[in-house]
């Protein structure tokens, strides 16, 4: 979320605007992405962790993430209709996020949002909720446009769209990978700058299928550990935090009850959760949401390294390469915060720092390499302030 990102977005879409129009139906979908990219580039909001609340920052991050999802939904072997479904829903989320940013800056209530039609986002805004069941499936409540609501009430199927159910991409592909026959340093640089700075923004490309899932709505989900004898790192993303929550039902908590890793009362839509070993080779979750979600077991080799300042929101895990190094720990809003060393079984170990609300404190990393676990529901920053090679042993 820097000026460089905004300049990259602007440059990318100016270049696209000069490109000749393609003949296929994906042109209009790409134009929607371009328009939203321009809106992000022109938007006057400049995020500042020192002055802006976590909810405002989360809304701005949600807008940037929506752009990235729209780009990801557009790539691959897609039909225009399928691409339109993924892109339009992502862009709708992004536009609402920007509207929330504008409302917060102006001191106004968050704007309400009606979802796009469940059956086809090109139908426009939903008008009411109805009970519907796919052929051979379980009935559920879906938000539909007025025309589809009438058709379903009359016993007819919804308007035929040809859209198929979205399946998770085994590997998110960038636009530059999709069209390697037209290399461009400018496009490549812009694509890199638009990648979410959060290393836990999406699953790594080599994550195995049995260790990741992506879907919508309530579900009980099972992921397979790479090794039943090893702990795991679970990452959960929700499309919407409101009225959503996630329980880790296996392994259970120390009191033998499910762990609420995302709750109703939090504005967080992402959690990074260490999962200790329990003798089983699976991890079980209960997803409670009416929107989209992504979950995966994060490969250990992709845990980010603490080698420079890191800012994020909520729980997080970092890899410390070793050496006693002073850290400045800052939490920017109200929440309980603690920084722990993770034990070998991924249970929180030595406490390095704790605080509540907005605060700044000092901590020192361990001499030996380890994993560091941040427990928080707020916005925080870890800043290395010394050279571990010169620090006192």
Protein backbone atom coordinates (compact mmCIF):
# COMPACT_ATOMS: atom_id res chain seq x y z
CA UNK A 1 0.00 0.00 0.00
CA UNK A 2 2.61 2.48 -1.11
CA UNK A 3 2.90 5.25 -3.66
CA UNK A 4 4.93 2.80 -5.77
CA UNK A 5 1.96 0.41 -5.90
CA UNK A 6 -0.38 3.18 -7.02
CA UNK A 7 2.07 4.32 -9.72
CA UNK A 8 2.41 0.72 -10.90
CA UNK A 9 -1.37 0.33 -11.13
CA UNK A 10 -1.67 3.60 -13.03
CA UNK A 11 1.09 2.71 -15.49
CA UNK A 12 -0.32 -0.74 -16.09
CA UNK A 13 -3.79 0.45 -16.97
CA UNK A 14 -2.61 3.35 -19.13
CA UNK A 15 -0.71 0.76 -21.13
CA UNK A 16 -3.78 -1.44 -21.32
CA UNK A 17 -5.89 1.51 -22.42
CA UNK A 18 -3.65 1.98 -25.43
CA UNK A 19 -3.84 -1.70 -26.40
CA UNK A 20 -6.02 -2.64 -29.33
CA UNK A 21 -9.36 -4.21 -28.47
CA UNK A 22 -9.46 -8.00 -28.69
CA UNK A 23 -12.35 -9.73 -30.42
CA UNK A 24 -13.33 -12.22 -27.71
CA UNK A 25 -15.87 -11.67 -24.95
CA UNK A 26 -13.18 -11.33 -22.27
CA UNK A 27 -12.48 -7.73 -23.33
CA UNK A 28 -15.41 -6.42 -21.31
CA UNK A 29 -14.33 -8.38 -18.26
CA UNK A 30 -10.80 -7.03 -18.54
CA UNK A 31 -12.22 -3.52 -18.91
CA UNK A 32 -14.01 -3.93 -15.58
CA UNK A 33 -10.70 -4.85 -13.93
CA UNK A 34 -9.01 -1.89 -15.61
CA UNK A 35 -11.69 0.51 -14.37
CA UNK A 36 -11.34 -0.67 -10.80
CA UNK A 37 -7.55 -0.49 -11.04
CA UNK A 38 -7.87 3.13 -12.17
CA UNK A 39 -10.21 3.82 -9.24
CA UNK A 40 -7.61 2.41 -6.82
CA UNK A 41 -4.84 4.45 -8.44
CA UNK A 42 -6.82 7.69 -8.21
CA UNK A 43 -8.20 7.12 -4.73
CA UNK A 44 -6.90 9.82 -2.33
CA UNK A 45 -6.71 7.62 0.78
CA UNK A 46 -3.17 7.06 2.09
CA UNK A 47 -3.05 4.33 4.79
CA UNK A 48 -1.23 5.25 7.99
CA UNK A 49 -1.05 2.73 10.84
CA UNK A 50 -0.42 5.53 13.32
CA UNK A 51 -3.61 7.49 12.64
CA UNK A 52 -6.09 5.09 11.02
CA UNK A 53 -8.05 2.41 12.87
CA UNK A 54 -7.73 -1.27 12.09
CA UNK A 55 -11.18 -1.47 10.50
CA UNK A 56 -10.41 1.35 8.07
CA UNK A 57 -7.08 -0.21 7.16
CA UNK A 58 -8.75 -3.60 6.78
CA UNK A 59 -11.30 -2.11 4.35
CA UNK A 60 -8.54 -0.58 2.24
CA UNK A 61 -6.65 -3.88 2.29
CA UNK A 62 -9.90 -5.60 1.29
CA UNK A 63 -10.15 -3.34 -1.77
CA UNK A 64 -6.59 -4.20 -2.83
CA UNK A 65 -7.21 -7.90 -2.22
CA UNK A 66 -10.38 -7.71 -4.33
CA UNK A 67 -8.38 -6.36 -7.24
CA UNK A 68 -5.88 -9.22 -6.87
CA UNK A 69 -8.73 -11.77 -6.76
CA UNK A 70 -10.26 -10.26 -9.89
CA UNK A 71 -6.94 -10.61 -11.70
CA UNK A 72 -6.58 -14.19 -10.48
CA UNK A 73 -10.15 -15.03 -11.47
CA UNK A 74 -9.54 -13.78 -14.99
CA UNK A 75 -6.53 -15.98 -15.80
CA UNK A 76 -6.38 -19.56 -16.95
CA UNK A 77 -8.55 -21.56 -19.31
CA UNK A 78 -11.80 -19.70 -18.63
CA UNK A 79 -14.93 -18.99 -20.64
CA UNK A 80 -16.15 -15.38 -20.70
CA UNK A 81 -19.11 -16.34 -18.51
CA UNK A 82 -17.00 -18.07 -15.88
CA UNK A 83 -14.48 -15.23 -15.83
CA UNK A 84 -17.30 -12.70 -15.50
CA UNK A 85 -18.72 -14.53 -12.48
CA UNK A 86 -15.45 -14.50 -10.52
CA UNK A 87 -14.35 -11.03 -11.60
CA UNK A 88 -17.65 -9.24 -11.03
CA UNK A 89 -18.06 -10.68 -7.53
CA UNK A 90 -14.51 -9.70 -6.60
CA UNK A 91 -14.90 -6.20 -8.00
CA UNK A 92 -18.22 -5.76 -6.23
CA UNK A 93 -16.46 -6.59 -2.97
CA UNK A 94 -13.69 -4.11 -3.81
CA UNK A 95 -16.07 -1.27 -4.65
CA UNK A 96 -17.93 -1.79 -1.39
CA UNK A 97 -14.62 -1.77 0.49
CA UNK A 98 -13.68 1.59 -1.06
CA UNK A 99 -17.13 2.94 -0.19
CA UNK A 100 -16.51 1.88 3.42
CA UNK A 101 -13.17 3.71 3.36
CA UNK A 102 -14.88 6.87 2.07
CA UNK A 103 -17.59 6.61 4.72
CA UNK A 104 -15.08 6.14 7.54
CA UNK A 105 -12.98 9.12 6.42
CA UNK A 106 -16.13 11.27 6.26
CA UNK A 107 -17.36 10.04 9.65
CA UNK A 108 -20.43 8.37 8.14
CA UNK A 109 -21.93 4.90 8.81
CA UNK A 110 -20.70 1.99 6.71
CA UNK A 111 -22.86 1.66 3.58
CA UNK A 112 -25.12 -1.40 3.34
CA UNK A 113 -24.38 -3.94 0.67
CA UNK A 114 -26.65 -6.32 -1.18
CA UNK A 115 -24.80 -9.19 -2.85
CA UNK A 116 -24.97 -9.81 -6.57
CA UNK A 117 -27.34 -12.49 -7.78
CA UNK A 118 -26.22 -15.94 -6.67
CA UNK A 119 -26.93 -17.54 -10.05
CA UNK A 120 -25.22 -14.95 -12.24
CA UNK A 121 -23.66 -11.65 -11.08
CA UNK A 122 -24.55 -10.15 -14.46
CA UNK A 123 -28.20 -10.21 -13.29
CA UNK A 124 -27.32 -7.37 -10.90
CA UNK A 125 -28.12 -6.88 -7.23
CA UNK A 126 -30.10 -9.48 -5.33
CA UNK A 127 -33.65 -8.57 -4.34
CA UNK A 128 -34.52 -11.31 -1.83
CA UNK A 129 -33.37 -14.57 -0.28
CA UNK A 130 -34.94 -17.89 -1.29
CA UNK A 131 -34.42 -21.56 -0.51
CA UNK A 132 -32.89 -23.45 -3.41
CA UNK A 133 -31.27 -26.85 -3.93
CA UNK A 134 -29.11 -27.96 -6.86
CA UNK A 135 -29.95 -31.25 -8.53
CA UNK A 136 -29.22 -33.98 -6.02
CA UNK A 137 -27.89 -31.44 -3.51
CA UNK A 138 -28.91 -29.96 -0.15
CA UNK A 139 -31.26 -26.99 0.08
CA UNK A 140 -29.71 -23.69 1.13
CA UNK A 141 -30.65 -20.02 1.30
CA UNK A 142 -29.33 -17.91 -1.57
CA UNK A 143 -29.70 -14.24 -2.50
CA UNK A 144 -31.15 -13.83 -5.99
CA UNK A 145 -32.28 -11.09 -8.34
CA UNK A 146 -35.98 -10.26 -8.68
CA UNK A 147 -36.37 -12.14 -11.96
CA UNK A 148 -34.88 -15.35 -10.58
CA UNK A 149 -36.96 -15.04 -7.41
CA UNK A 150 -40.13 -14.99 -9.54
CA UNK A 151 -39.00 -17.95 -11.65
CA UNK A 152 -38.15 -20.06 -8.59
CA UNK A 153 -41.48 -19.17 -6.93
CA UNK A 154 -43.23 -20.42 -10.06
CA UNK A 155 -41.30 -23.68 -9.99
CA UNK A 156 -39.08 -22.77 -12.92
CA UNK A 157 -35.28 -22.85 -12.95
CA UNK A 158 -33.29 -19.60 -12.73
CA UNK A 159 -32.34 -17.75 -15.88
CA UNK A 160 -29.92 -19.94 -17.83
CA UNK A 161 -26.42 -18.49 -17.67
CA UNK A 162 -24.11 -21.36 -18.51
CA UNK A 163 -22.01 -20.60 -15.46
CA UNK A 164 -20.39 -23.56 -13.79
CA UNK A 165 -19.46 -23.90 -10.14
CA UNK A 166 -16.09 -22.38 -9.40
CA UNK A 167 -13.30 -24.85 -8.63
CA UNK A 168 -10.12 -23.86 -6.84
CA UNK A 169 -7.16 -23.08 -9.07
CA UNK A 170 -4.36 -25.54 -8.32
CA UNK A 171 -1.93 -22.74 -8.85
CA UNK A 172 -2.77 -19.02 -9.06
CA UNK A 173 -1.19 -17.71 -12.26
CA UNK A 174 -0.21 -14.12 -12.92
CA UNK A 175 -1.22 -12.26 -16.07
CA UNK A 176 2.41 -12.20 -17.19
CA UNK A 177 2.59 -16.01 -16.97
CA UNK A 178 -0.63 -16.29 -18.96
CA UNK A 179 0.72 -14.38 -21.95
CA UNK A 180 4.45 -15.04 -22.08
CA UNK A 181 4.51 -14.42 -25.79
CA UNK A 182 4.23 -10.66 -25.12
CA UNK A 183 6.85 -9.97 -22.41
CA UNK A 184 6.86 -6.50 -20.91
CA UNK A 185 9.08 -5.22 -18.12
CA UNK A 186 6.42 -2.68 -17.22
CA UNK A 187 3.64 -5.24 -16.92
CA UNK A 188 5.87 -7.65 -14.99
CA UNK A 189 6.88 -4.94 -12.52
CA UNK A 190 3.28 -3.87 -12.06
CA UNK A 191 2.15 -7.45 -11.51
CA UNK A 192 4.79 -7.94 -8.83
CA UNK A 193 3.81 -4.73 -7.06
CA UNK A 194 0.15 -5.77 -7.09
CA UNK A 195 0.88 -9.08 -5.38
CA UNK A 196 -0.39 -8.83 -1.78
CA UNK A 197 2.47 -8.02 0.59
CA UNK A 198 1.06 -10.61 3.01
CA UNK A 199 2.97 -13.89 2.48
CA UNK A 200 -0.17 -15.61 3.75
CA UNK A 201 -2.36 -13.94 1.11
CA UNK A 202 -2.80 -17.13 -0.92
CA UNK A 203 -1.45 -20.66 -0.87
CA UNK A 204 2.00 -21.22 -2.40
CA UNK A 205 2.05 -22.71 -5.89
CA UNK A 206 3.38 -26.11 -4.80
CA UNK A 207 0.80 -26.66 -2.02
CA UNK A 208 -0.68 -30.14 -2.52
CA UNK A 209 -4.38 -30.50 -3.33
CA UNK A 210 -5.11 -32.46 -0.14
CA UNK A 211 -3.68 -29.58 1.90
CA UNK A 212 -5.92 -26.81 0.54
CA UNK A 213 -9.60 -26.09 -0.09
CA UNK A 214 -11.63 -23.22 -1.52
CA UNK A 215 -15.41 -22.94 -1.61
CA UNK A 216 -18.44 -20.94 -0.41
CA UNK A 217 -20.92 -21.26 2.44
CA UNK A 218 -21.11 -23.46 5.53
CA UNK A 219 -19.04 -26.61 5.41
CA UNK A 220 -17.14 -29.15 7.43
CA UNK A 221 -13.65 -29.40 5.95
CA UNK A 222 -10.77 -31.83 6.32
CA UNK A 223 -7.15 -31.18 5.32
CA UNK A 224 -4.36 -33.76 5.32
CA UNK A 225 -1.09 -33.07 7.07
CA UNK A 226 2.10 -33.63 5.12
CA UNK A 227 3.30 -35.77 8.05
CA UNK A 228 1.07 -36.99 10.89
CA UNK A 229 4.03 -36.76 13.27
CA UNK A 230 4.65 -33.07 12.51
CA UNK A 231 2.71 -29.96 13.58
CA UNK A 232 1.10 -27.82 10.88
CA UNK A 233 0.47 -24.17 10.13
CA UNK A 234 -3.14 -23.45 9.15
CA UNK A 235 -4.16 -20.36 7.18
CA UNK A 236 -7.83 -19.34 6.89
CA UNK A 237 -9.25 -16.57 4.70
CA UNK A 238 -12.89 -15.44 4.75
CA UNK A 239 -14.39 -13.28 2.05
CA UNK A 240 -16.46 -11.51 4.70
CA UNK A 241 -15.89 -11.31 8.44
CA UNK A 242 -19.40 -10.16 9.39
CA UNK A 243 -21.70 -12.97 10.54
CA UNK A 244 -18.92 -15.51 9.91
CA UNK A 245 -16.82 -17.66 12.19
CA UNK A 246 -14.46 -20.64 11.94
CA UNK A 247 -13.85 -23.44 14.44
CA UNK A 248 -10.87 -25.77 14.57
CA UNK A 249 -12.55 -28.98 15.70
CA UNK A 250 -9.55 -31.28 15.38
CA UNK A 251 -7.19 -31.10 17.05
CA UNK A 252 -9.22 -29.50 19.81
CA UNK A 253 -7.98 -27.00 22.37
CA UNK A 254 -6.38 -27.83 25.70
CA UNK A 255 -9.85 -28.00 27.30
CA UNK A 256 -10.91 -30.57 24.66
CA UNK A 257 -13.26 -28.04 23.07
CA UNK A 258 -13.19 -26.64 19.52
CA UNK A 259 -10.95 -23.60 19.04
CA UNK A 260 -12.66 -20.50 17.69
CA UNK A 261 -9.95 -19.18 15.39
CA UNK A 262 -12.19 -16.51 13.80
CA UNK A 263 -15.23 -15.21 15.65
CA UNK A 264 -18.43 -13.22 15.08
CA UNK A 265 -17.25 -10.19 17.00
CA UNK A 266 -14.02 -9.64 15.09
CA UNK A 267 -13.47 -7.69 11.89
CA UNK A 268 -10.63 -10.06 10.97
CA UNK A 269 -11.03 -12.15 7.84
CA UNK A 270 -7.70 -14.00 8.05
CA UNK A 271 -6.02 -16.19 10.67
CA UNK A 272 -2.63 -17.90 10.78
CA UNK A 273 -2.88 -20.70 13.34
CA UNK A 274 -0.21 -23.13 14.60
CA UNK A 275 -1.78 -26.61 14.87
CA UNK A 276 0.03 -28.99 17.27
CA UNK A 277 0.31 -32.71 16.60
CA UNK A 278 -2.43 -34.97 17.97
CA UNK A 279 -1.53 -38.34 16.46
CA UNK A 280 -3.87 -37.88 13.50
CA UNK A 281 -2.92 -37.07 9.94
CA UNK A 282 -5.88 -34.72 9.35
CA UNK A 283 -6.99 -31.28 10.49
CA UNK A 284 -10.75 -30.61 10.78
CA UNK A 285 -12.58 -27.27 10.57
CA UNK A 286 -16.15 -26.03 10.59
CA UNK A 287 -16.73 -23.05 8.29
CA UNK A 288 -19.71 -20.88 9.22
CA UNK A 289 -20.20 -18.26 6.52
CA UNK A 290 -22.44 -17.47 3.60
CA UNK A 291 -19.57 -16.15 1.52
CA UNK A 292 -16.39 -17.50 -0.01
CA UNK A 293 -13.43 -18.92 1.90
CA UNK A 294 -9.95 -20.37 1.33
CA UNK A 295 -7.97 -22.57 3.72
CA UNK A 296 -4.67 -24.41 3.49
CA UNK A 297 -1.82 -25.95 5.47
CA UNK A 298 1.09 -23.62 4.82
CA UNK A 299 4.34 -25.32 3.76
CA UNK A 300 7.06 -24.76 6.42
CA UNK A 301 9.56 -23.57 3.82
CA UNK A 302 7.21 -20.69 2.94
CA UNK A 303 6.94 -19.22 6.44
CA UNK A 304 8.16 -15.62 6.01
CA UNK A 305 11.53 -14.64 7.42
CA UNK A 306 11.93 -11.83 9.95
CA UNK A 307 14.68 -9.87 8.19
CA UNK A 308 13.04 -6.44 7.97
CA UNK A 309 10.06 -4.53 9.35
CA UNK A 310 6.82 -6.54 9.21
CA UNK A 311 3.31 -5.07 9.57
CA UNK A 312 0.10 -7.06 9.56
CA UNK A 313 -3.21 -7.66 11.31
CA UNK A 314 -4.18 -10.55 13.55
CA UNK A 315 -2.30 -13.77 14.27
CA UNK A 316 0.94 -14.41 12.41
CA UNK A 317 4.00 -16.69 12.34
CA UNK A 318 7.53 -15.63 11.35
CA UNK A 319 10.80 -17.50 10.98
CA UNK A 320 13.69 -16.07 13.04
CA UNK A 321 17.10 -17.03 11.57
CA UNK A 322 18.89 -16.85 14.93
CA UNK A 323 20.92 -14.28 16.87
CA UNK A 324 19.82 -11.99 19.67
CA UNK A 325 18.35 -8.94 17.98
CA UNK A 326 16.40 -6.06 19.54
CA UNK A 327 12.88 -5.54 18.20
CA UNK A 328 10.51 -2.61 18.51
CA UNK A 329 7.00 -4.00 18.93
CA UNK A 330 4.10 -1.67 18.14
CA UNK A 331 0.38 -2.36 18.25
CA UNK A 332 -1.67 0.40 16.69
CA UNK A 333 -5.14 -0.18 18.14
CA UNK A 334 -7.01 -1.79 21.02
CA UNK A 335 -6.47 -5.52 21.47
CA UNK A 336 -4.51 -7.98 23.62
CA UNK A 337 -1.12 -8.74 22.07
CA UNK A 338 1.56 -11.32 22.80
CA UNK A 339 4.73 -12.43 21.03
CA UNK A 340 5.86 -16.01 21.73
CA UNK A 341 8.51 -18.45 20.65
CA UNK A 342 6.80 -21.50 19.14
CA UNK A 343 7.87 -24.79 20.67
CA UNK A 344 8.71 -27.77 18.47
CA UNK A 345 5.14 -29.07 18.82
CA UNK A 346 3.82 -25.62 17.74
CA UNK A 347 2.44 -24.75 21.17
CA UNK A 348 3.18 -21.20 22.39
CA UNK A 349 6.41 -21.18 24.39
CA UNK A 350 8.52 -18.41 25.88
CA UNK A 351 6.79 -15.02 26.07
CA UNK A 352 8.92 -12.27 24.52
CA UNK A 353 6.50 -9.35 24.74
CA UNK A 354 2.89 -8.57 25.63
CA UNK A 355 0.59 -5.57 25.87
CA UNK A 356 -2.95 -4.33 25.47
CA UNK A 357 -4.37 -1.62 23.25
CA UNK A 358 -2.09 0.81 21.43
CA UNK A 359 1.46 0.48 22.78
CA UNK A 360 5.14 0.30 21.89
CA UNK A 361 7.58 -2.02 23.66
CA UNK A 362 10.97 -3.61 23.22
CA UNK A 363 11.79 -7.31 22.84
CA UNK A 364 14.87 -9.39 22.03
CA UNK A 365 14.85 -12.42 19.75
CA UNK A 366 16.33 -15.75 20.93
CA UNK A 367 19.89 -16.70 20.08
CA UNK A 368 18.84 -19.91 18.33
CA UNK A 369 16.72 -20.09 15.15
CA UNK A 370 13.03 -20.48 15.91
CA UNK A 371 9.49 -19.59 14.87
CA UNK A 372 7.83 -16.50 16.38
CA UNK A 373 4.07 -16.44 16.97
CA UNK A 374 2.08 -13.20 17.19
CA UNK A 375 -1.29 -13.47 18.92
CA UNK A 376 -3.42 -10.38 18.28
CA UNK A 377 -6.69 -9.13 16.82
CA UNK A 378 -5.27 -5.73 15.95
CA UNK A 379 -2.84 -4.02 13.60
CA UNK A 380 0.81 -4.40 14.65
CA UNK A 381 4.39 -3.82 13.48
CA UNK A 382 7.65 -5.60 14.34
CA UNK A 383 10.78 -3.57 13.58
CA UNK A 384 14.32 -5.00 13.94
CA UNK A 385 16.40 -2.20 15.47
CA UNK A 386 19.87 -3.75 15.62
CA UNK A 387 22.30 -6.17 14.02
CA UNK A 388 21.99 -9.67 15.50
CA UNK A 389 25.67 -10.32 14.77
CA UNK A 390 26.66 -7.39 16.99
CA UNK A 391 24.05 -7.92 19.70
CA UNK A 392 25.22 -9.16 23.09
CA UNK A 393 24.95 -12.93 23.50
